[in-house]
């Protein structure tokens, strides 16, 4: 997997250099697709890098879910701004 990551990163750098050269000689409109290819290769590299670091990431994130405290239906819950407004109205 390390070889694949190195190849993808090298291709990304090579396409960036080619894109800069094409931008200088022909303009950005012509070399736009090269920059998009560069960005996609770099994002693919990041994806490979993140997946290799921690494959069991989902298992670590799972936590036991605590049930929420139920509020009484009759109890009125107000935020701070609403409480201030109600005090002014008195």
C-alpha atoms as a PDB file:
ATOM      1  CA  UNK A   1       0.000   0.000   0.000  1.00  0.00           C
ATOM      2  CA  UNK A   2       2.909   2.325   0.636  1.00  0.00           C
ATOM      3  CA  UNK A   3       4.030   2.028  -2.995  1.00  0.00           C
ATOM      4  CA  UNK A   4       0.569   3.010  -4.226  1.00  0.00           C
ATOM      5  CA  UNK A   5       0.530   6.042  -1.916  1.00  0.00           C
ATOM      6  CA  UNK A   6       3.955   7.162  -3.148  1.00  0.00           C
ATOM      7  CA  UNK A   7       2.934   6.765  -6.791  1.00  0.00           C
ATOM      8  CA  UNK A   8      -0.283   8.737  -6.298  1.00  0.00           C
ATOM      9  CA  UNK A   9       1.541  11.545  -4.467  1.00  0.00           C
ATOM     10  CA  UNK A  10       4.258  11.674  -7.138  1.00  0.00           C
ATOM     11  CA  UNK A  11       1.695  11.811  -9.927  1.00  0.00           C
ATOM     12  CA  UNK A  12      -0.116  14.592  -8.114  1.00  0.00           C
ATOM     13  CA  UNK A  13       3.091  16.636  -7.857  1.00  0.00           C
ATOM     14  CA  UNK A  14       3.961  15.936 -11.500  1.00  0.00           C
ATOM     15  CA  UNK A  15       0.518  17.031 -12.712  1.00  0.00           C
ATOM     16  CA  UNK A  16       0.827  20.202 -10.618  1.00  0.00           C
ATOM     17  CA  UNK A  17       4.116  21.080 -12.310  1.00  0.00           C
ATOM     18  CA  UNK A  18       2.670  20.304 -15.746  1.00  0.00           C
ATOM     19  CA  UNK A  19      -0.399  22.402 -14.937  1.00  0.00           C
ATOM     20  CA  UNK A  20       1.714  25.384 -13.916  1.00  0.00           C
ATOM     21  CA  UNK A  21       3.755  25.101 -17.100  1.00  0.00           C
ATOM     22  CA  UNK A  22       0.635  24.873 -19.255  1.00  0.00           C
ATOM     23  CA  UNK A  23      -0.887  27.855 -17.442  1.00  0.00           C
ATOM     24  CA  UNK A  24       2.177  29.984 -18.158  1.00  0.00           C
ATOM     25  CA  UNK A  25       2.347  29.004 -21.828  1.00  0.00           C
ATOM     26  CA  UNK A  26      -1.312  28.554 -22.865  1.00  0.00           C
ATOM     27  CA  UNK A  27      -3.477  30.020 -20.114  1.00  0.00           C
ATOM     28  CA  UNK A  28      -5.566  28.758 -17.249  1.00  0.00           C
ATOM     29  CA  UNK A  29      -8.605  27.832 -19.358  1.00  0.00           C
ATOM     30  CA  UNK A  30      -6.596  25.238 -21.261  1.00  0.00           C
ATOM     31  CA  UNK A  31      -4.904  23.744 -18.186  1.00  0.00           C
ATOM     32  CA  UNK A  32      -7.927  23.709 -15.881  1.00  0.00           C
ATOM     33  CA  UNK A  33      -8.453  19.963 -16.274  1.00  0.00           C
ATOM     34  CA  UNK A  34      -4.855  19.296 -15.224  1.00  0.00           C
ATOM     35  CA  UNK A  35      -5.385  21.161 -11.963  1.00  0.00           C
ATOM     36  CA  UNK A  36      -8.606  19.239 -11.325  1.00  0.00           C
ATOM     37  CA  UNK A  37      -6.714  15.999 -11.911  1.00  0.00           C
ATOM     38  CA  UNK A  38      -4.029  17.189  -9.481  1.00  0.00           C
ATOM     39  CA  UNK A  39      -6.581  17.964  -6.777  1.00  0.00           C
ATOM     40  CA  UNK A  40      -8.369  14.650  -7.240  1.00  0.00           C
ATOM     41  CA  UNK A  41      -5.085  12.717  -7.040  1.00  0.00           C
ATOM     42  CA  UNK A  42      -4.138  14.577  -3.854  1.00  0.00           C
ATOM     43  CA  UNK A  43      -7.538  13.877  -2.289  1.00  0.00           C
ATOM     44  CA  UNK A  44      -7.186  10.216  -3.242  1.00  0.00           C
ATOM     45  CA  UNK A  45      -3.775  10.218  -1.536  1.00  0.00           C
ATOM     46  CA  UNK A  46      -5.335  11.698   1.608  1.00  0.00           C
ATOM     47  CA  UNK A  47      -8.043   9.045   1.517  1.00  0.00           C
ATOM     48  CA  UNK A  48      -5.453   6.280   1.277  1.00  0.00           C
ATOM     49  CA  UNK A  49      -3.414   7.862   4.056  1.00  0.00           C
ATOM     50  CA  UNK A  50      -6.369   8.192   6.433  1.00  0.00           C
ATOM     51  CA  UNK A  51      -7.694   4.701   5.791  1.00  0.00           C
ATOM     52  CA  UNK A  52      -4.286   3.154   6.434  1.00  0.00           C
ATOM     53  CA  UNK A  53      -3.717   4.976   9.736  1.00  0.00           C
ATOM     54  CA  UNK A  54      -6.723   3.673  11.624  1.00  0.00           C
ATOM     55  CA  UNK A  55      -8.976   1.063   9.973  1.00  0.00           C
ATOM     56  CA  UNK A  56     -10.922   0.472  13.212  1.00  0.00           C
ATOM     57  CA  UNK A  57     -11.810   4.117  13.656  1.00  0.00           C
ATOM     58  CA  UNK A  58     -15.542   3.441  13.739  1.00  0.00           C
ATOM     59  CA  UNK A  59     -15.175   0.923  16.539  1.00  0.00           C
ATOM     60  CA  UNK A  60     -13.337   3.430  18.708  1.00  0.00           C
ATOM     61  CA  UNK A  61     -15.925   6.149  18.151  1.00  0.00           C
ATOM     62  CA  UNK A  62     -18.857   4.021  19.240  1.00  0.00           C
ATOM     63  CA  UNK A  63     -19.888   4.851  22.766  1.00  0.00           C
ATOM     64  CA  UNK A  64     -22.759   3.802  24.908  1.00  0.00           C
ATOM     65  CA  UNK A  65     -25.650   6.163  24.440  1.00  0.00           C
ATOM     66  CA  UNK A  66     -27.158   7.446  27.640  1.00  0.00           C
ATOM     67  CA  UNK A  67     -30.911   7.975  27.608  1.00  0.00           C
ATOM     68  CA  UNK A  68     -31.972  11.592  27.769  1.00  0.00           C
ATOM     69  CA  UNK A  69     -33.650  12.837  30.883  1.00  0.00           C
ATOM     70  CA  UNK A  70     -37.336  13.205  30.238  1.00  0.00           C
ATOM     71  CA  UNK A  71     -38.894  16.508  31.140  1.00  0.00           C
ATOM     72  CA  UNK A  72     -42.316  16.824  32.553  1.00  0.00           C
ATOM     73  CA  UNK A  73     -44.900  17.936  30.035  1.00  0.00           C
ATOM     74  CA  UNK A  74     -46.161  20.710  32.280  1.00  0.00           C
ATOM     75  CA  UNK A  75     -42.690  22.080  33.014  1.00  0.00           C
ATOM     76  CA  UNK A  76     -41.948  25.096  30.865  1.00  0.00           C
ATOM     77  CA  UNK A  77     -38.396  25.267  29.594  1.00  0.00           C
ATOM     78  CA  UNK A  78     -37.114  28.667  28.530  1.00  0.00           C
ATOM     79  CA  UNK A  79     -33.754  29.907  27.442  1.00  0.00           C
ATOM     80  CA  UNK A  80     -32.010  32.867  29.007  1.00  0.00           C
ATOM     81  CA  UNK A  81     -33.332  35.409  26.522  1.00  0.00           C
ATOM     82  CA  UNK A  82     -36.913  34.272  27.014  1.00  0.00           C
ATOM     83  CA  UNK A  83     -36.562  34.498  30.786  1.00  0.00           C
ATOM     84  CA  UNK A  84     -35.272  38.090  30.529  1.00  0.00           C
ATOM     85  CA  UNK A  85     -38.157  38.988  28.249  1.00  0.00           C
ATOM     86  CA  UNK A  86     -40.677  37.523  30.680  1.00  0.00           C
ATOM     87  CA  UNK A  87     -39.122  39.452  33.582  1.00  0.00           C
ATOM     88  CA  UNK A  88     -39.367  42.719  31.631  1.00  0.00           C
ATOM     89  CA  UNK A  89     -42.999  42.104  30.853  1.00  0.00           C
ATOM     90  CA  UNK A  90     -43.948  41.868  34.563  1.00  0.00           C
END
